[in-house]
PDB file of N, CA and C in Angstrom:
ATOM      1  N   UNK A   1      32.989  -5.660 -39.080  1.00  0.00           N
ATOM      2  CA  UNK A   1      31.681  -5.659 -38.435  1.00  0.00           C
ATOM      3  C   UNK A   1      31.605  -6.836 -37.467  1.00  0.00           C
ATOM      4  N   UNK A   2      32.117  -7.995 -37.871  1.00  0.00           N
ATOM      5  CA  UNK A   2      32.127  -9.151 -37.023  1.00  0.00           C
ATOM      6  C   UNK A   2      32.978  -8.938 -35.752  1.00  0.00           C
ATOM      7  N   UNK A   3      34.097  -8.278 -35.898  1.00  0.00           N
ATOM      8  CA  UNK A   3      34.942  -7.953 -34.775  1.00  0.00           C
ATOM      9  C   UNK A   3      34.224  -7.056 -33.784  1.00  0.00           C
ATOM     10  N   UNK A   4      33.493  -6.065 -34.339  1.00  0.00           N
ATOM     11  CA  UNK A   4      32.732  -5.153 -33.471  1.00  0.00           C
ATOM     12  C   UNK A   4      31.679  -5.924 -32.686  1.00  0.00           C
ATOM     13  N   UNK A   5      30.983  -6.822 -33.353  1.00  0.00           N
ATOM     14  CA  UNK A   5      29.944  -7.642 -32.668  1.00  0.00           C
ATOM     15  C   UNK A   5      30.577  -8.524 -31.633  1.00  0.00           C
ATOM     16  N   UNK A   6      31.724  -9.159 -31.915  1.00  0.00           N
ATOM     17  CA  UNK A   6      32.372 -10.012 -30.983  1.00  0.00           C
ATOM     18  C   UNK A   6      32.774  -9.230 -29.728  1.00  0.00           C
ATOM     19  N   UNK A   7      33.344  -8.053 -29.889  1.00  0.00           N
ATOM     20  CA  UNK A   7      33.714  -7.220 -28.772  1.00  0.00           C
ATOM     21  C   UNK A   7      32.529  -6.741 -27.972  1.00  0.00           C
ATOM     22  N   UNK A   8      31.507  -6.302 -28.652  1.00  0.00           N
ATOM     23  CA  UNK A   8      30.337  -5.858 -27.958  1.00  0.00           C
ATOM     24  C   UNK A   8      29.684  -7.019 -27.230  1.00  0.00           C
ATOM     25  N   UNK A   9      29.558  -8.119 -27.925  1.00  0.00           N
ATOM     26  CA  UNK A   9      28.984  -9.305 -27.312  1.00  0.00           C
ATOM     27  C   UNK A   9      29.743  -9.766 -26.047  1.00  0.00           C
ATOM     28  N   UNK A  10      31.084  -9.716 -26.112  1.00  0.00           N
ATOM     29  CA  UNK A  10      31.893 -10.066 -24.948  1.00  0.00           C
ATOM     30  C   UNK A  10      31.680  -9.116 -23.793  1.00  0.00           C
ATOM     31  N   UNK A  11      31.638  -7.813 -24.138  1.00  0.00           N
ATOM     32  CA  UNK A  11      31.414  -6.819 -23.085  1.00  0.00           C
ATOM     33  C   UNK A  11      30.013  -6.963 -22.480  1.00  0.00           C
ATOM     34  N   UNK A  12      29.074  -7.271 -23.322  1.00  0.00           N
ATOM     35  CA  UNK A  12      27.699  -7.418 -22.855  1.00  0.00           C
ATOM     36  C   UNK A  12      27.597  -8.651 -21.916  1.00  0.00           C
ATOM     37  N   UNK A  13      28.243  -9.782 -22.306  1.00  0.00           N
ATOM     38  CA  UNK A  13      28.203 -10.992 -21.491  1.00  0.00           C
ATOM     39  C   UNK A  13      28.915 -10.679 -20.165  1.00  0.00           C
ATOM     40  N   UNK A  14      30.017  -9.982 -20.241  1.00  0.00           N
ATOM     41  CA  UNK A  14      30.716  -9.659 -18.972  1.00  0.00           C
ATOM     42  C   UNK A  14      29.845  -8.794 -18.056  1.00  0.00           C
ATOM     43  N   UNK A  15      29.203  -7.836 -18.623  1.00  0.00           N
ATOM     44  CA  UNK A  15      28.304  -6.971 -17.850  1.00  0.00           C
ATOM     45  C   UNK A  15      27.169  -7.771 -17.214  1.00  0.00           C
ATOM     46  N   UNK A  16      26.603  -8.705 -18.011  1.00  0.00           N
ATOM     47  CA  UNK A  16      25.530  -9.554 -17.467  1.00  0.00           C
ATOM     48  C   UNK A  16      25.999 -10.418 -16.320  1.00  0.00           C
ATOM     49  N   UNK A  17      27.215 -10.997 -16.467  1.00  0.00           N
ATOM     50  CA  UNK A  17      27.738 -11.842 -15.426  1.00  0.00           C
ATOM     51  C   UNK A  17      27.951 -11.043 -14.145  1.00  0.00           C
ATOM     52  N   UNK A  18      28.531  -9.821 -14.291  1.00  0.00           N
ATOM     53  CA  UNK A  18      28.762  -8.958 -13.131  1.00  0.00           C
ATOM     54  C   UNK A  18      27.414  -8.604 -12.437  1.00  0.00           C
ATOM     55  N   UNK A  19      26.415  -8.341 -13.262  1.00  0.00           N
ATOM     56  CA  UNK A  19      25.110  -7.972 -12.725  1.00  0.00           C
ATOM     57  C   UNK A  19      24.520  -9.182 -11.969  1.00  0.00           C
ATOM     58  N   UNK A  20      24.717 -10.380 -12.491  1.00  0.00           N
ATOM     59  CA  UNK A  20      24.159 -11.588 -11.858  1.00  0.00           C
ATOM     60  C   UNK A  20      24.939 -11.799 -10.490  1.00  0.00           C
ATOM     61  N   UNK A  21      26.255 -11.583 -10.510  1.00  0.00           N
ATOM     62  CA  UNK A  21      27.044 -11.763  -9.269  1.00  0.00           C
ATOM     63  C   UNK A  21      26.592 -10.736  -8.218  1.00  0.00           C
ATOM     64  N   UNK A  22      26.355  -9.508  -8.652  1.00  0.00           N
ATOM     65  CA  UNK A  22      25.894  -8.495  -7.675  1.00  0.00           C
ATOM     66  C   UNK A  22      24.516  -8.861  -7.130  1.00  0.00           C
ATOM     67  N   UNK A  23      23.687  -9.403  -7.950  1.00  0.00           N
ATOM     68  CA  UNK A  23      22.308  -9.795  -7.560  1.00  0.00           C
ATOM     69  C   UNK A  23      22.419 -10.926  -6.526  1.00  0.00           C
ATOM     70  N   UNK A  24      23.331 -11.841  -6.698  1.00  0.00           N
ATOM     71  CA  UNK A  24      23.492 -12.952  -5.767  1.00  0.00           C
ATOM     72  C   UNK A  24      23.980 -12.435  -4.439  1.00  0.00           C
ATOM     73  N   UNK A  25      24.923 -11.501  -4.465  1.00  0.00           N
ATOM     74  CA  UNK A  25      25.467 -10.875  -3.203  1.00  0.00           C
ATOM     75  C   UNK A  25      24.359 -10.156  -2.530  1.00  0.00           C
ATOM     76  N   UNK A  26      23.537  -9.357  -3.242  1.00  0.00           N
ATOM     77  CA  UNK A  26      22.432  -8.675  -2.619  1.00  0.00           C
ATOM     78  C   UNK A  26      21.425  -9.624  -1.998  1.00  0.00           C
ATOM     79  N   UNK A  27      21.145 -10.700  -2.710  1.00  0.00           N
ATOM     80  CA  UNK A  27      20.185 -11.717  -2.191  1.00  0.00           C
ATOM     81  C   UNK A  27      20.688 -12.308  -0.899  1.00  0.00           C
ATOM     82  N   UNK A  28      22.014 -12.575  -0.824  1.00  0.00           N
ATOM     83  CA  UNK A  28      22.604 -13.103   0.402  1.00  0.00           C
ATOM     84  C   UNK A  28      22.494 -12.122   1.554  1.00  0.00           C
ATOM     85  N   UNK A  29      22.711 -10.812   1.232  1.00  0.00           N
ATOM     86  CA  UNK A  29      22.604  -9.788   2.251  1.00  0.00           C
ATOM     87  C   UNK A  29      21.186  -9.671   2.723  1.00  0.00           C
ATOM     88  N   UNK A  30      20.194  -9.724   1.775  1.00  0.00           N
ATOM     89  CA  UNK A  30      18.807  -9.649   2.177  1.00  0.00           C
ATOM     90  C   UNK A  30      18.427 -10.783   3.087  1.00  0.00           C
ATOM     91  N   UNK A  31      18.860 -11.995   2.733  1.00  0.00           N
ATOM     92  CA  UNK A  31      18.577 -13.164   3.561  1.00  0.00           C
ATOM     93  C   UNK A  31      19.153 -12.994   4.969  1.00  0.00           C
ATOM     94  N   UNK A  32      20.390 -12.514   5.023  1.00  0.00           N
ATOM     95  CA  UNK A  32      21.030 -12.302   6.292  1.00  0.00           C
ATOM     96  C   UNK A  32      20.261 -11.275   7.132  1.00  0.00           C
ATOM     97  N   UNK A  33      19.843 -10.214   6.481  1.00  0.00           N
ATOM     98  CA  UNK A  33      19.066  -9.180   7.203  1.00  0.00           C
ATOM     99  C   UNK A  33      17.767  -9.725   7.720  1.00  0.00           C
ATOM    100  N   UNK A  34      17.043 -10.547   6.917  1.00  0.00           N
ATOM    101  CA  UNK A  34      15.818 -11.137   7.369  1.00  0.00           C
ATOM    102  C   UNK A  34      16.066 -12.029   8.584  1.00  0.00           C
ATOM    103  N   UNK A  35      17.148 -12.771   8.566  1.00  0.00           N
ATOM    104  CA  UNK A  35      17.476 -13.652   9.693  1.00  0.00           C
ATOM    105  C   UNK A  35      17.720 -12.829  10.972  1.00  0.00           C
ATOM    106  N   UNK A  36      18.470 -11.717  10.758  1.00  0.00           N
ATOM    107  CA  UNK A  36      18.779 -10.829  11.879  1.00  0.00           C
ATOM    108  C   UNK A  36      17.506 -10.264  12.480  1.00  0.00           C
ATOM    109  N   UNK A  37      16.627  -9.775  11.662  1.00  0.00           N
ATOM    110  CA  UNK A  37      15.346  -9.222  12.100  1.00  0.00           C
ATOM    111  C   UNK A  37      14.525 -10.309  12.808  1.00  0.00           C
ATOM    112  N   UNK A  38      14.473 -11.494  12.288  1.00  0.00           N
ATOM    113  CA  UNK A  38      13.723 -12.593  12.890  1.00  0.00           C
ATOM    114  C   UNK A  38      14.279 -12.941  14.275  1.00  0.00           C
ATOM    115  N   UNK A  39      15.623 -12.865  14.459  1.00  0.00           N
ATOM    116  CA  UNK A  39      16.290 -13.159  15.715  1.00  0.00           C
ATOM    117  C   UNK A  39      16.024 -12.080  16.723  1.00  0.00           C
ATOM    118  N   UNK A  40      16.062 -10.856  16.284  1.00  0.00           N
ATOM    119  CA  UNK A  40      16.031  -9.735  17.242  1.00  0.00           C
ATOM    120  C   UNK A  40      14.628  -9.310  17.638  1.00  0.00           C
ATOM    121  N   UNK A  41      13.637  -9.577  16.795  1.00  0.00           N
ATOM    122  CA  UNK A  41      12.261  -9.128  17.084  1.00  0.00           C
ATOM    123  C   UNK A  41      11.721  -9.629  18.387  1.00  0.00           C
ATOM    124  N   UNK A  42      11.872 -10.949  18.685  1.00  0.00           N
ATOM    125  CA  UNK A  42      11.344 -11.428  19.974  1.00  0.00           C
ATOM    126  C   UNK A  42      12.027 -10.747  21.162  1.00  0.00           C
ATOM    127  N   UNK A  43      13.314 -10.552  21.095  1.00  0.00           N
ATOM    128  CA  UNK A  43      14.018  -9.898  22.188  1.00  0.00           C
ATOM    129  C   UNK A  43      13.571  -8.448  22.377  1.00  0.00           C
ATOM    130  N   UNK A  44      13.388  -7.747  21.308  1.00  0.00           N
ATOM    131  CA  UNK A  44      12.884  -6.369  21.338  1.00  0.00           C
ATOM    132  C   UNK A  44      11.471  -6.337  21.876  1.00  0.00           C
ATOM    133  N   UNK A  45      10.670  -7.264  21.508  1.00  0.00           N
ATOM    134  CA  UNK A  45       9.294  -7.355  22.041  1.00  0.00           C
ATOM    135  C   UNK A  45       9.291  -7.498  23.554  1.00  0.00           C
ATOM    136  N   UNK A  46      10.133  -8.401  24.050  1.00  0.00           N
ATOM    137  CA  UNK A  46      10.226  -8.617  25.485  1.00  0.00           C
ATOM    138  C   UNK A  46      10.725  -7.341  26.196  1.00  0.00           C
ATOM    139  N   UNK A  47      11.701  -6.702  25.601  1.00  0.00           N
ATOM    140  CA  UNK A  47      12.256  -5.472  26.189  1.00  0.00           C
ATOM    141  C   UNK A  47      11.177  -4.342  26.213  1.00  0.00           C
ATOM    142  N   UNK A  48      10.431  -4.278  25.140  1.00  0.00           N
ATOM    143  CA  UNK A  48       9.399  -3.239  25.061  1.00  0.00           C
ATOM    144  C   UNK A  48       8.282  -3.500  26.156  1.00  0.00           C
ATOM    145  N   UNK A  49       7.934  -4.781  26.269  1.00  0.00           N
ATOM    146  CA  UNK A  49       6.920  -5.124  27.290  1.00  0.00           C
ATOM    147  C   UNK A  49       7.457  -4.763  28.699  1.00  0.00           C
ATOM    148  N   UNK A  50       8.731  -5.053  28.941  1.00  0.00           N
ATOM    149  CA  UNK A  50       9.326  -4.730  30.237  1.00  0.00           C
ATOM    150  C   UNK A  50       9.294  -3.235  30.499  1.00  0.00           C
ATOM    151  N   UNK A  51       9.663  -2.448  29.501  1.00  0.00           N
ATOM    152  CA  UNK A  51       9.634  -0.979  29.620  1.00  0.00           C
ATOM    153  C   UNK A  51       8.201  -0.495  29.904  1.00  0.00           C
ATOM    154  N   UNK A  52       7.216  -1.060  29.207  1.00  0.00           N
ATOM    155  CA  UNK A  52       5.845  -0.657  29.373  1.00  0.00           C
ATOM    156  C   UNK A  52       5.351  -0.999  30.759  1.00  0.00           C
ATOM    157  N   UNK A  53       5.734  -2.192  31.263  1.00  0.00           N
ATOM    158  CA  UNK A  53       5.376  -2.650  32.632  1.00  0.00           C
ATOM    159  C   UNK A  53       5.979  -1.679  33.645  1.00  0.00           C
ATOM    160  N   UNK A  54       7.262  -1.323  33.445  1.00  0.00           N
ATOM    161  CA  UNK A  54       7.873  -0.408  34.416  1.00  0.00           C
ATOM    162  C   UNK A  54       7.241   0.989  34.392  1.00  0.00           C
ATOM    163  N   UNK A  55       6.905   1.451  33.193  1.00  0.00           N
ATOM    164  CA  UNK A  55       6.249   2.776  33.034  1.00  0.00           C
ATOM    165  C   UNK A  55       4.905   2.719  33.739  1.00  0.00           C
ATOM    166  N   UNK A  56       4.175   1.644  33.610  1.00  0.00           N
ATOM    167  CA  UNK A  56       2.867   1.535  34.293  1.00  0.00           C
ATOM    168  C   UNK A  56       3.029   1.515  35.802  1.00  0.00           C
ATOM    169  N   UNK A  57       4.059   0.803  36.300  1.00  0.00           N
ATOM    170  CA  UNK A  57       4.341   0.772  37.725  1.00  0.00           C
ATOM    171  C   UNK A  57       4.718   2.174  38.258  1.00  0.00           C
ATOM    172  N   UNK A  58       5.525   2.889  37.491  1.00  0.00           N
ATOM    173  CA  UNK A  58       5.922   4.211  37.874  1.00  0.00           C
ATOM    174  C   UNK A  58       4.735   5.190  37.869  1.00  0.00           C
ATOM    175  N   UNK A  59       3.849   5.060  36.924  1.00  0.00           N
ATOM    176  CA  UNK A  59       2.714   5.876  36.874  1.00  0.00           C
ATOM    177  C   UNK A  59       1.751   5.617  38.052  1.00  0.00           C
ATOM    178  N   UNK A  60       1.607   4.344  38.373  1.00  0.00           N
ATOM    179  CA  UNK A  60       0.777   3.978  39.561  1.00  0.00           C
ATOM    180  C   UNK A  60       1.407   4.535  40.838  1.00  0.00           C
ATOM    181  N   UNK A  61       2.704   4.372  40.977  1.00  0.00           N
ATOM    182  CA  UNK A  61       3.378   4.904  42.153  1.00  0.00           C
ATOM    183  C   UNK A  61       3.255   6.411  42.251  1.00  0.00           C
ATOM    184  N   UNK A  62       3.444   7.084  41.145  1.00  0.00           N
ATOM    185  CA  UNK A  62       3.325   8.555  41.126  1.00  0.00           C
ATOM    186  C   UNK A  62       1.924   9.010  41.517  1.00  0.00           C
ATOM    187  N   UNK A  63       0.905   8.311  41.005  1.00  0.00           N
ATOM    188  CA  UNK A  63      -0.457   8.609  41.364  1.00  0.00           C
ATOM    189  C   UNK A  63      -0.685   8.382  42.818  1.00  0.00           C
ATOM    190  N   UNK A  64      -0.124   7.303  43.393  1.00  0.00           N
ATOM    191  CA  UNK A  64      -0.257   7.042  44.810  1.00  0.00           C
ATOM    192  C   UNK A  64       0.396   8.125  45.637  1.00  0.00           C
ATOM    193  N   UNK A  65       1.538   8.543  45.234  1.00  0.00           N
ATOM    194  CA  UNK A  65       2.297   9.614  45.960  1.00  0.00           C
ATOM    195  C   UNK A  65       1.525  10.926  45.882  1.00  0.00           C
ATOM    196  N   UNK A  66       1.022  11.253  44.761  1.00  0.00           N
ATOM    197  CA  UNK A  66       0.286  12.513  44.582  1.00  0.00           C
ATOM    198  C   UNK A  66      -1.007  12.464  45.390  1.00  0.00           C
ATOM    199  N   UNK A  67      -1.688  11.290  45.389  1.00  0.00           N
ATOM    200  CA  UNK A  67      -2.929  11.150  46.166  1.00  0.00           C
ATOM    201  C   UNK A  67      -2.641  11.282  47.670  1.00  0.00           C
ATOM    202  N   UNK A  68      -1.578  10.657  48.063  1.00  0.00           N
ATOM    203  CA  UNK A  68      -1.158  10.702  49.504  1.00  0.00           C
ATOM    204  C   UNK A  68      -0.795  12.102  49.895  1.00  0.00           C
ATOM    205  N   UNK A  69      -0.070  12.822  49.098  1.00  0.00           N
ATOM    206  CA  UNK A  69       0.318  14.168  49.417  1.00  0.00           C
ATOM    207  C   UNK A  69      -0.892  15.064  49.491  1.00  0.00           C
ATOM    208  N   UNK A  70      -1.824  14.860  48.566  1.00  0.00           N
ATOM    209  CA  UNK A  70      -3.014  15.710  48.540  1.00  0.00           C
ATOM    210  C   UNK A  70      -3.906  15.434  49.769  1.00  0.00           C
ATOM    211  N   UNK A  71      -4.075  14.179  50.117  1.00  0.00           N
ATOM    212  CA  UNK A  71      -4.917  13.851  51.281  1.00  0.00           C
ATOM    213  C   UNK A  71      -4.280  14.231  52.588  1.00  0.00           C
ATOM    214  N   UNK A  72      -2.976  14.172  52.686  1.00  0.00           N
ATOM    215  CA  UNK A  72      -2.358  14.526  53.986  1.00  0.00           C
ATOM    216  C   UNK A  72      -2.218  16.034  54.094  1.00  0.00           C
ATOM    217  N   UNK A  73      -2.353  16.742  53.071  1.00  0.00           N
ATOM    218  CA  UNK A  73      -2.278  18.207  53.107  1.00  0.00           C
ATOM    219  C   UNK A  73      -3.574  18.841  53.548  1.00  0.00           C
ATOM    220  N   UNK A  74      -4.606  18.075  53.605  1.00  0.00           N
ATOM    221  CA  UNK A  74      -5.919  18.624  53.956  1.00  0.00           C
ATOM    222  C   UNK A  74      -6.152  18.562  55.416  1.00  0.00           C
TER     223      UNK A  74
END
């Protein structure tokens, strides 16, 4: 019985250590991902603002072209 407990206890300790190691690796990956998101978010925000500005300029130009075509056709 003691031998069985020793073997089970050893396997249990080994499984716990492996689980703790995996948890540490996952925590490092999470931290890295959070850093990556923090670094990229400002750049993506600037890019999105630039795209929105260009879309607004294109919409204004299209409206101007359409208005000009309509008024010159009359």
